[in-house]
Amino acid sequence: MSRIEEKFKELKGRGEGALIGYLTLGDPDVESSEKLIKCLCKNVDILELGVPFTDPIADGPTIQAAIERSLASGMNTDIAFEMVERLRKDVDTPFVFMTYYNIVLQYGEEKFVKKCAEVGVDGILISDLPIEEAGSVLEHCKNNNVDFIFLIAPTTTEERMKQIAEHAMGFVYLVALLGVTGARDTLQDETVNNTKRALKHIELPLAVGFGISKREHARAVIDAGANGVVVGSAFVNLVARRGAAACPELVRLSVELKEGTR
């Protein structure tokens, strides 16, 4: 059983949903990023770590800006692995690398997945790699006990959901809203409806993201039956505003959001 599976099992036993956070590795710089990750790990159940790519087509302005700051600080894939290796000395929170296929391809598919397993990355989410093209990466993940996290969207057909459900590992990430990532002030009824629709086909834990930024958002999604919520832009906004000094605000927001999953 992977660390991600163990976490969802533990939370289910307590009657809680998972709070899954996101930060971009190397934002605003490597040293500060490691400190901020440790801060956020105090309250999130799982943490997605963005490995920056020069053309982040699935990300909104907030995370694109974080990726630019990260790349400007000298961030690259090797440093990403080194950061996780250091973080693992103090943190046992499950980590998911969130990136684009070009990063994995340039590093080498098998080498990338093996390195994830070696340093303590528990899952990978490749936002621009559809299931039809994921076969070899999926196989490497299975061989190395690294969960391959699939995305589904409001436009995903029921047939495709069934296909993803057959191969998914760890959890499935439902993109709650069409478009790029970003925090929203209100959570649309459509998000709740999409959650309920996905649950008909997905047996693994379902985490819902894109647009969640408040406790009541998290509560509504968990009440709809989701097993977790993913919060990215709301945390990254704090880093954009406060830089290395964002720790207290990251803790405050993560505590508030975690309350919404209980």
C-alpha atoms as a PDB file:
ATOM      1  CA  MET A   1       0.000   0.000   0.000  1.00  0.00           C
ATOM      2  CA  SER A   2       1.381   3.401  -0.971  1.00  0.00           C
ATOM      3  CA  ARG A   3       1.729   6.292   1.461  1.00  0.00           C
ATOM      4  CA  ILE A   4      -1.137   8.026  -0.382  1.00  0.00           C
ATOM      5  CA  GLU A   5      -3.431   5.006   0.004  1.00  0.00           C
ATOM      6  CA  GLU A   6      -2.500   4.741   3.683  1.00  0.00           C
ATOM      7  CA  LYS A   7      -3.348   8.405   4.223  1.00  0.00           C
ATOM      8  CA  PHE A   8      -6.808   8.106   2.655  1.00  0.00           C
ATOM      9  CA  LYS A   9      -7.463   4.942   4.682  1.00  0.00           C
ATOM     10  CA  GLU A  10      -6.414   6.710   7.887  1.00  0.00           C
ATOM     11  CA  LEU A  11      -8.638   9.722   7.126  1.00  0.00           C
ATOM     12  CA  LYS A  12     -11.610   7.536   6.254  1.00  0.00           C
ATOM     13  CA  GLY A  13     -11.248   5.852   9.626  1.00  0.00           C
ATOM     14  CA  ARG A  14     -11.521   9.279  11.279  1.00  0.00           C
ATOM     15  CA  GLY A  15     -14.444  10.351   9.092  1.00  0.00           C
ATOM     16  CA  GLU A  16     -12.408  13.100   7.408  1.00  0.00           C
ATOM     17  CA  GLY A  17     -11.688  14.165   3.870  1.00  0.00           C
ATOM     18  CA  ALA A  18      -8.148  14.918   2.713  1.00  0.00           C
ATOM     19  CA  LEU A  19      -6.782  18.428   2.387  1.00  0.00           C
ATOM     20  CA  ILE A  20      -4.368  18.294  -0.546  1.00  0.00           C
ATOM     21  CA  GLY A  21      -2.218  21.391  -0.918  1.00  0.00           C
ATOM     22  CA  TYR A  22      -0.011  22.620  -3.748  1.00  0.00           C
ATOM     23  CA  LEU A  23       3.160  24.700  -3.890  1.00  0.00           C
ATOM     24  CA  THR A  24       5.603  25.254  -6.731  1.00  0.00           C
ATOM     25  CA  LEU A  25       9.059  23.912  -5.901  1.00  0.00           C
ATOM     26  CA  GLY A  26      11.641  26.700  -5.789  1.00  0.00           C
ATOM     27  CA  ASP A  27       9.146  29.539  -5.242  1.00  0.00           C
ATOM     28  CA  PRO A  28      10.317  32.136  -4.267  1.00  0.00           C
ATOM     29  CA  ASP A  29      13.718  30.400  -4.014  1.00  0.00           C
ATOM     30  CA  VAL A  30      14.953  26.943  -3.036  1.00  0.00           C
ATOM     31  CA  GLU A  31      15.774  27.629   0.623  1.00  0.00           C
ATOM     32  CA  SER A  32      12.551  29.558   1.307  1.00  0.00           C
ATOM     33  CA  SER A  33      10.512  27.008  -0.628  1.00  0.00           C
ATOM     34  CA  GLU A  34      11.701  24.173   1.616  1.00  0.00           C
ATOM     35  CA  LYS A  35      10.738  26.146   4.729  1.00  0.00           C
ATOM     36  CA  LEU A  36       7.289  26.972   3.325  1.00  0.00           C
ATOM     37  CA  ILE A  37       6.688  23.333   2.369  1.00  0.00           C
ATOM     38  CA  LYS A  38       7.476  22.276   5.944  1.00  0.00           C
ATOM     39  CA  CYS A  39       5.022  24.910   7.213  1.00  0.00           C
ATOM     40  CA  LEU A  40       2.226  23.689   4.969  1.00  0.00           C
ATOM     41  CA  CYS A  41       2.879  20.043   5.815  1.00  0.00           C
ATOM     42  CA  LYS A  42       1.796  20.744   9.407  1.00  0.00           C
ATOM     43  CA  ASN A  43      -1.858  20.803   8.320  1.00  0.00           C
ATOM     44  CA  VAL A  44      -2.259  19.358   4.822  1.00  0.00           C
ATOM     45  CA  ASP A  45      -2.721  15.611   4.442  1.00  0.00           C
ATOM     46  CA  ILE A  46      -1.026  15.359   1.032  1.00  0.00           C
ATOM     47  CA  LEU A  47       1.085  17.954  -0.790  1.00  0.00           C
ATOM     48  CA  GLU A  48       1.375  18.396  -4.532  1.00  0.00           C
ATOM     49  CA  LEU A  49       4.729  19.861  -5.542  1.00  0.00           C
ATOM     50  CA  GLY A  50       4.904  21.617  -8.883  1.00  0.00           C
ATOM     51  CA  VAL A  51       8.020  20.821 -10.914  1.00  0.00           C
ATOM     52  CA  PRO A  52       8.275  23.942 -13.086  1.00  0.00           C
ATOM     53  CA  PHE A  53       8.000  23.832 -16.870  1.00  0.00           C
ATOM     54  CA  THR A  54       8.505  26.729 -19.266  1.00  0.00           C
ATOM     55  CA  ASP A  55       5.079  26.370 -20.942  1.00  0.00           C
ATOM     56  CA  PRO A  56       2.531  25.598 -18.184  1.00  0.00           C
ATOM     57  CA  ILE A  57      -0.607  25.528 -20.334  1.00  0.00           C
ATOM     58  CA  ALA A  58      -2.963  24.083 -17.685  1.00  0.00           C
ATOM     59  CA  ASP A  59      -2.109  26.670 -15.047  1.00  0.00           C
ATOM     60  CA  GLY A  60      -3.680  30.052 -14.440  1.00  0.00           C
ATOM     61  CA  PRO A  61      -1.844  33.350 -13.906  1.00  0.00           C
ATOM     62  CA  THR A  62      -1.141  32.731 -10.200  1.00  0.00           C
ATOM     63  CA  ILE A  63       0.702  29.456 -10.692  1.00  0.00           C
ATOM     64  CA  GLN A  64       2.299  30.610 -13.961  1.00  0.00           C
ATOM     65  CA  ALA A  65       3.824  33.505 -12.012  1.00  0.00           C
ATOM     66  CA  ALA A  66       5.042  31.068  -9.332  1.00  0.00           C
ATOM     67  CA  ILE A  67       6.649  28.920 -12.019  1.00  0.00           C
ATOM     68  CA  GLU A  68       8.377  32.006 -13.458  1.00  0.00           C
ATOM     69  CA  ARG A  69       9.727  32.930 -10.002  1.00  0.00           C
ATOM     70  CA  SER A  70      10.903  29.359  -9.499  1.00  0.00           C
ATOM     71  CA  LEU A  71      12.692  29.142 -12.848  1.00  0.00           C
ATOM     72  CA  ALA A  72      14.263  32.568 -12.250  1.00  0.00           C
ATOM     73  CA  SER A  73      15.709  31.241  -8.975  1.00  0.00           C
ATOM     74  CA  GLY A  74      17.497  28.488 -10.936  1.00  0.00           C
ATOM     75  CA  MET A  75      15.050  25.650 -10.297  1.00  0.00           C
ATOM     76  CA  ASN A  76      15.308  22.464 -12.369  1.00  0.00           C
ATOM     77  CA  THR A  77      14.299  18.802 -12.125  1.00  0.00           C
ATOM     78  CA  ASP A  78      17.520  17.658 -10.428  1.00  0.00           C
ATOM     79  CA  ILE A  79      17.094  20.305  -7.740  1.00  0.00           C
ATOM     80  CA  ALA A  80      13.460  19.220  -7.302  1.00  0.00           C
ATOM     81  CA  PHE A  81      14.601  15.698  -6.443  1.00  0.00           C
ATOM     82  CA  GLU A  82      17.318  17.041  -4.123  1.00  0.00           C
ATOM     83  CA  MET A  83      14.739  19.171  -2.297  1.00  0.00           C
ATOM     84  CA  VAL A  84      12.459  16.191  -1.684  1.00  0.00           C
ATOM     85  CA  GLU A  85      15.404  14.134  -0.462  1.00  0.00           C
ATOM     86  CA  ARG A  86      16.208  16.824   2.117  1.00  0.00           C
ATOM     87  CA  LEU A  87      12.555  17.348   3.082  1.00  0.00           C
ATOM     88  CA  ARG A  88      12.087  13.629   3.708  1.00  0.00           C
ATOM     89  CA  LYS A  89      14.446  13.884   6.696  1.00  0.00           C
ATOM     90  CA  ASP A  90      11.776  15.918   8.532  1.00  0.00           C
ATOM     91  CA  VAL A  91       8.458  15.357   6.742  1.00  0.00           C
ATOM     92  CA  ASP A  92       6.443  12.194   6.093  1.00  0.00           C
ATOM     93  CA  THR A  93       3.484  13.873   4.328  1.00  0.00           C
ATOM     94  CA  PRO A  94       2.718  12.109   1.022  1.00  0.00           C
ATOM     95  CA  PHE A  95       4.150  14.084  -1.920  1.00  0.00           C
ATOM     96  CA  VAL A  96       2.819  14.177  -5.479  1.00  0.00           C
ATOM     97  CA  PHE A  97       4.923  15.689  -8.254  1.00  0.00           C
ATOM     98  CA  MET A  98       2.706  17.736 -10.571  1.00  0.00           C
ATOM     99  CA  THR A  99       4.319  18.518 -13.888  1.00  0.00           C
ATOM    100  CA  TYR A 100       4.162  18.269 -17.682  1.00  0.00           C
ATOM    101  CA  TYR A 101       5.191  15.372 -19.881  1.00  0.00           C
ATOM    102  CA  ASN A 102       8.103  17.223 -21.480  1.00  0.00           C
ATOM    103  CA  ILE A 103       9.865  17.316 -18.091  1.00  0.00           C
ATOM    104  CA  VAL A 104       9.476  13.537 -17.712  1.00  0.00           C
ATOM    105  CA  LEU A 105      10.474  12.860 -21.321  1.00  0.00           C
ATOM    106  CA  GLN A 106      13.639  14.972 -21.105  1.00  0.00           C
ATOM    107  CA  TYR A 107      14.682  13.266 -17.864  1.00  0.00           C
ATOM    108  CA  GLY A 108      13.746   9.807 -19.172  1.00  0.00           C
ATOM    109  CA  GLU A 109      10.462   8.152 -18.192  1.00  0.00           C
ATOM    110  CA  GLU A 110      11.875   5.187 -16.288  1.00  0.00           C
ATOM    111  CA  LYS A 111      14.679   7.222 -14.721  1.00  0.00           C
ATOM    112  CA  PHE A 112      12.192   9.893 -13.568  1.00  0.00           C
ATOM    113  CA  VAL A 113       9.829   7.403 -11.918  1.00  0.00           C
ATOM    114  CA  LYS A 114      12.678   5.454 -10.280  1.00  0.00           C
ATOM    115  CA  LYS A 115      14.118   8.688  -8.914  1.00  0.00           C
ATOM    116  CA  CYS A 116      10.688   9.595  -7.492  1.00  0.00           C
ATOM    117  CA  ALA A 117      10.610   6.271  -5.646  1.00  0.00           C
ATOM    118  CA  GLU A 118      14.206   6.685  -4.473  1.00  0.00           C
ATOM    119  CA  VAL A 119      13.806  10.148  -2.912  1.00  0.00           C
ATOM    120  CA  GLY A 120      10.283   9.691  -1.524  1.00  0.00           C
ATOM    121  CA  VAL A 121       7.841  11.104  -4.072  1.00  0.00           C
ATOM    122  CA  ASP A 122       4.682   9.033  -3.658  1.00  0.00           C
ATOM    123  CA  GLY A 123       2.794   9.948  -6.824  1.00  0.00           C
ATOM    124  CA  ILE A 124       3.036  11.839 -10.089  1.00  0.00           C
ATOM    125  CA  LEU A 125       0.414  13.833 -11.955  1.00  0.00           C
ATOM    126  CA  ILE A 126       1.290  14.727 -15.549  1.00  0.00           C
ATOM    127  CA  SER A 127      -1.359  17.222 -16.567  1.00  0.00           C
ATOM    128  CA  ASP A 128      -0.876  16.991 -20.342  1.00  0.00           C
ATOM    129  CA  LEU A 129      -0.519  13.192 -20.635  1.00  0.00           C
ATOM    130  CA  PRO A 130      -3.844  11.544 -21.587  1.00  0.00           C
ATOM    131  CA  ILE A 131      -4.560   7.945 -20.676  1.00  0.00           C
ATOM    132  CA  GLU A 132      -4.133   6.813 -24.293  1.00  0.00           C
ATOM    133  CA  GLU A 133      -0.470   7.891 -24.197  1.00  0.00           C
ATOM    134  CA  ALA A 134       0.321   7.070 -20.568  1.00  0.00           C
ATOM    135  CA  GLY A 135       1.016   3.337 -20.948  1.00  0.00           C
ATOM    136  CA  SER A 136       4.784   3.285 -20.477  1.00  0.00           C
ATOM    137  CA  VAL A 137       4.832   5.826 -17.627  1.00  0.00           C
ATOM    138  CA  LEU A 138       1.982   3.957 -15.948  1.00  0.00           C
ATOM    139  CA  GLU A 139       3.943   0.708 -16.189  1.00  0.00           C
ATOM    140  CA  HIS A 140       7.040   2.306 -14.641  1.00  0.00           C
ATOM    141  CA  CYS A 141       4.862   3.657 -11.817  1.00  0.00           C
ATOM    142  CA  LYS A 142       3.390   0.231 -11.096  1.00  0.00           C
ATOM    143  CA  ASN A 143       6.869  -1.320 -11.066  1.00  0.00           C
ATOM    144  CA  ASN A 144       8.180   1.272  -8.606  1.00  0.00           C
ATOM    145  CA  ASN A 145       5.176   1.722  -6.283  1.00  0.00           C
ATOM    146  CA  VAL A 146       4.643   5.317  -7.389  1.00  0.00           C
ATOM    147  CA  ASP A 147       0.983   6.276  -7.816  1.00  0.00           C
ATOM    148  CA  PHE A 148       0.026   7.675 -11.222  1.00  0.00           C
ATOM    149  CA  ILE A 149      -2.692  10.257 -10.556  1.00  0.00           C
ATOM    150  CA  PHE A 150      -5.203  10.824 -13.346  1.00  0.00           C
ATOM    151  CA  LEU A 151      -7.206  13.974 -14.017  1.00  0.00           C
ATOM    152  CA  ILE A 152     -10.861  13.912 -15.008  1.00  0.00           C
ATOM    153  CA  ALA A 153     -12.883  16.950 -16.082  1.00  0.00           C
ATOM    154  CA  PRO A 154     -16.543  17.986 -16.368  1.00  0.00           C
ATOM    155  CA  THR A 155     -16.305  17.065 -20.057  1.00  0.00           C
ATOM    156  CA  THR A 156     -14.921  13.558 -19.426  1.00  0.00           C
ATOM    157  CA  THR A 157     -17.330  10.993 -20.848  1.00  0.00           C
ATOM    158  CA  GLU A 158     -18.623   8.163 -18.691  1.00  0.00           C
ATOM    159  CA  GLU A 159     -16.837   5.674 -20.941  1.00  0.00           C
ATOM    160  CA  ARG A 160     -13.546   7.487 -20.447  1.00  0.00           C
ATOM    161  CA  MET A 161     -14.092   7.668 -16.691  1.00  0.00           C
ATOM    162  CA  LYS A 162     -14.485   3.889 -16.636  1.00  0.00           C
ATOM    163  CA  GLN A 163     -11.229   3.558 -18.610  1.00  0.00           C
ATOM    164  CA  ILE A 164      -9.394   5.841 -16.171  1.00  0.00           C
ATOM    165  CA  ALA A 165     -10.901   4.009 -13.192  1.00  0.00           C
ATOM    166  CA  GLU A 166      -9.334   0.770 -14.460  1.00  0.00           C
ATOM    167  CA  HIS A 167      -5.802   2.196 -14.419  1.00  0.00           C
ATOM    168  CA  ALA A 168      -5.879   4.903 -11.731  1.00  0.00           C
ATOM    169  CA  MET A 169      -3.716   4.682  -8.623  1.00  0.00           C
ATOM    170  CA  GLY A 170      -3.782   6.547  -5.313  1.00  0.00           C
ATOM    171  CA  PHE A 171      -6.656   8.906  -6.031  1.00  0.00           C
ATOM    172  CA  VAL A 172      -8.385  10.541  -8.986  1.00  0.00           C
ATOM    173  CA  TYR A 173      -8.286  14.331  -9.348  1.00  0.00           C
ATOM    174  CA  LEU A 174     -11.521  15.924 -10.574  1.00  0.00           C
ATOM    175  CA  VAL A 175     -11.016  19.291 -12.253  1.00  0.00           C
ATOM    176  CA  ALA A 176     -14.096  21.013 -10.849  1.00  0.00           C
ATOM    177  CA  LEU A 177     -14.313  23.844 -13.362  1.00  0.00           C
ATOM    178  CA  LEU A 178     -13.447  24.184 -17.022  1.00  0.00           C
ATOM    179  CA  GLY A 179     -10.492  26.400 -17.856  1.00  0.00           C
ATOM    180  CA  VAL A 180      -7.201  26.993 -16.086  1.00  0.00           C
ATOM    181  CA  THR A 181      -6.457  26.815 -12.375  1.00  0.00           C
ATOM    182  CA  GLY A 182      -7.233  29.613  -9.957  1.00  0.00           C
ATOM    183  CA  ALA A 183      -8.973  30.427  -6.678  1.00  0.00           C
ATOM    184  CA  ARG A 184     -12.630  31.439  -6.886  1.00  0.00           C
ATOM    185  CA  ASP A 185     -14.797  33.359  -4.412  1.00  0.00           C
ATOM    186  CA  THR A 186     -17.852  31.158  -4.924  1.00  0.00           C
ATOM    187  CA  LEU A 187     -18.175  27.465  -5.583  1.00  0.00           C
ATOM    188  CA  GLN A 188     -20.562  26.702  -8.411  1.00  0.00           C
ATOM    189  CA  ASP A 189     -23.396  24.197  -8.056  1.00  0.00           C
ATOM    190  CA  GLU A 190     -21.919  22.578 -11.150  1.00  0.00           C
ATOM    191  CA  THR A 191     -18.894  21.548  -9.080  1.00  0.00           C
ATOM    192  CA  VAL A 192     -21.090  19.605  -6.663  1.00  0.00           C
ATOM    193  CA  ASN A 193     -22.990  18.012  -9.564  1.00  0.00           C
ATOM    194  CA  ASN A 194     -19.748  17.022 -11.316  1.00  0.00           C
ATOM    195  CA  THR A 195     -18.495  15.489  -8.073  1.00  0.00           C
ATOM    196  CA  LYS A 196     -21.605  13.346  -7.698  1.00  0.00           C
ATOM    197  CA  ARG A 197     -21.393  12.284 -11.365  1.00  0.00           C
ATOM    198  CA  ALA A 198     -17.748  11.204 -11.045  1.00  0.00           C
ATOM    199  CA  LEU A 199     -18.433   9.204  -7.888  1.00  0.00           C
ATOM    200  CA  LYS A 200     -20.697   6.883  -9.876  1.00  0.00           C
ATOM    201  CA  HIS A 201     -17.668   5.609 -11.806  1.00  0.00           C
ATOM    202  CA  ILE A 202     -14.622   6.112  -9.569  1.00  0.00           C
ATOM    203  CA  GLU A 203     -13.962   3.640  -6.762  1.00  0.00           C
ATOM    204  CA  LEU A 204     -10.635   5.131  -5.702  1.00  0.00           C
ATOM    205  CA  PRO A 205     -10.689   8.234  -3.494  1.00  0.00           C
ATOM    206  CA  LEU A 206     -11.879  11.282  -5.455  1.00  0.00           C
ATOM    207  CA  ALA A 207     -10.217  14.653  -4.825  1.00  0.00           C
ATOM    208  CA  VAL A 208     -11.781  17.815  -6.221  1.00  0.00           C
ATOM    209  CA  GLY A 209      -9.768  20.894  -7.118  1.00  0.00           C
ATOM    210  CA  PHE A 210      -9.449  24.041  -9.257  1.00  0.00           C
ATOM    211  CA  GLY A 211     -11.147  26.991  -7.575  1.00  0.00           C
ATOM    212  CA  ILE A 212     -11.305  25.925  -3.915  1.00  0.00           C
ATOM    213  CA  SER A 213     -10.093  28.623  -1.542  1.00  0.00           C
ATOM    214  CA  LYS A 214     -12.401  28.723   1.500  1.00  0.00           C
ATOM    215  CA  ARG A 215     -13.566  26.450   4.302  1.00  0.00           C
ATOM    216  CA  GLU A 216     -17.150  26.464   2.989  1.00  0.00           C
ATOM    217  CA  HIS A 217     -15.903  25.361  -0.463  1.00  0.00           C
ATOM    218  CA  ALA A 218     -14.158  22.388   1.115  1.00  0.00           C
ATOM    219  CA  ARG A 219     -17.210  21.556   3.220  1.00  0.00           C
ATOM    220  CA  ALA A 220     -19.547  21.614   0.188  1.00  0.00           C
ATOM    221  CA  VAL A 221     -17.310  19.270  -1.809  1.00  0.00           C
ATOM    222  CA  ILE A 222     -16.858  16.812   1.068  1.00  0.00           C
ATOM    223  CA  ASP A 223     -20.617  16.906   1.735  1.00  0.00           C
ATOM    224  CA  ALA A 224     -21.161  16.003  -1.942  1.00  0.00           C
ATOM    225  CA  GLY A 225     -19.227  12.789  -1.307  1.00  0.00           C
ATOM    226  CA  ALA A 226     -15.680  13.662  -2.376  1.00  0.00           C
ATOM    227  CA  ASN A 227     -12.821  12.146  -0.393  1.00  0.00           C
ATOM    228  CA  GLY A 228     -10.596  15.196  -0.609  1.00  0.00           C
ATOM    229  CA  VAL A 229     -10.134  18.757  -1.825  1.00  0.00           C
ATOM    230  CA  VAL A 230      -7.149  20.180  -3.691  1.00  0.00           C
ATOM    231  CA  VAL A 231      -6.111  23.759  -2.947  1.00  0.00           C
ATOM    232  CA  GLY A 232      -3.363  25.379  -4.986  1.00  0.00           C
ATOM    233  CA  SER A 233      -3.794  28.989  -6.072  1.00  0.00           C
ATOM    234  CA  ALA A 234      -4.994  30.156  -2.647  1.00  0.00           C
ATOM    235  CA  PHE A 235      -1.701  28.969  -1.088  1.00  0.00           C
ATOM    236  CA  VAL A 236       0.449  30.186  -3.984  1.00  0.00           C
ATOM    237  CA  ASN A 237      -1.183  33.640  -3.734  1.00  0.00           C
ATOM    238  CA  LEU A 238       0.125  33.905  -0.179  1.00  0.00           C
ATOM    239  CA  VAL A 239       3.657  33.065  -1.327  1.00  0.00           C
ATOM    240  CA  ALA A 240       3.347  35.651  -4.116  1.00  0.00           C
ATOM    241  CA  ARG A 241       2.361  38.332  -1.604  1.00  0.00           C
ATOM    242  CA  ARG A 242       4.573  37.428   1.347  1.00  0.00           C
ATOM    243  CA  GLY A 243       7.457  35.468  -0.148  1.00  0.00           C
ATOM    244  CA  ALA A 244       9.640  33.723   2.413  1.00  0.00           C
ATOM    245  CA  ALA A 245       7.533  35.285   5.213  1.00  0.00           C
ATOM    246  CA  ALA A 246       4.336  33.471   4.134  1.00  0.00           C
ATOM    247  CA  CYS A 247       4.560  30.682   6.726  1.00  0.00           C
ATOM    248  CA  PRO A 248       2.096  32.070   9.330  1.00  0.00           C
ATOM    249  CA  GLU A 249      -0.521  32.778   6.655  1.00  0.00           C
ATOM    250  CA  LEU A 250      -0.052  29.338   5.067  1.00  0.00           C
ATOM    251  CA  VAL A 251      -0.636  27.773   8.482  1.00  0.00           C
ATOM    252  CA  ARG A 252      -3.722  29.932   9.134  1.00  0.00           C
ATOM    253  CA  LEU A 253      -5.345  29.156   5.771  1.00  0.00           C
ATOM    254  CA  SER A 254      -4.512  25.452   5.921  1.00  0.00           C
ATOM    255  CA  VAL A 255      -6.044  25.180   9.410  1.00  0.00           C
ATOM    256  CA  GLU A 256      -9.222  26.883   8.157  1.00  0.00           C
ATOM    257  CA  LEU A 257      -9.471  24.659   5.076  1.00  0.00           C
ATOM    258  CA  LYS A 258      -8.755  21.506   7.071  1.00  0.00           C
ATOM    259  CA  GLU A 259     -11.733  22.317   9.291  1.00  0.00           C
ATOM    260  CA  GLY A 260     -13.892  22.149   6.157  1.00  0.00           C
ATOM    261  CA  THR A 261     -12.857  18.538   5.523  1.00  0.00           C
ATOM    262  CA  ARG A 262     -13.864  17.260   8.960  1.00  0.00           C
END
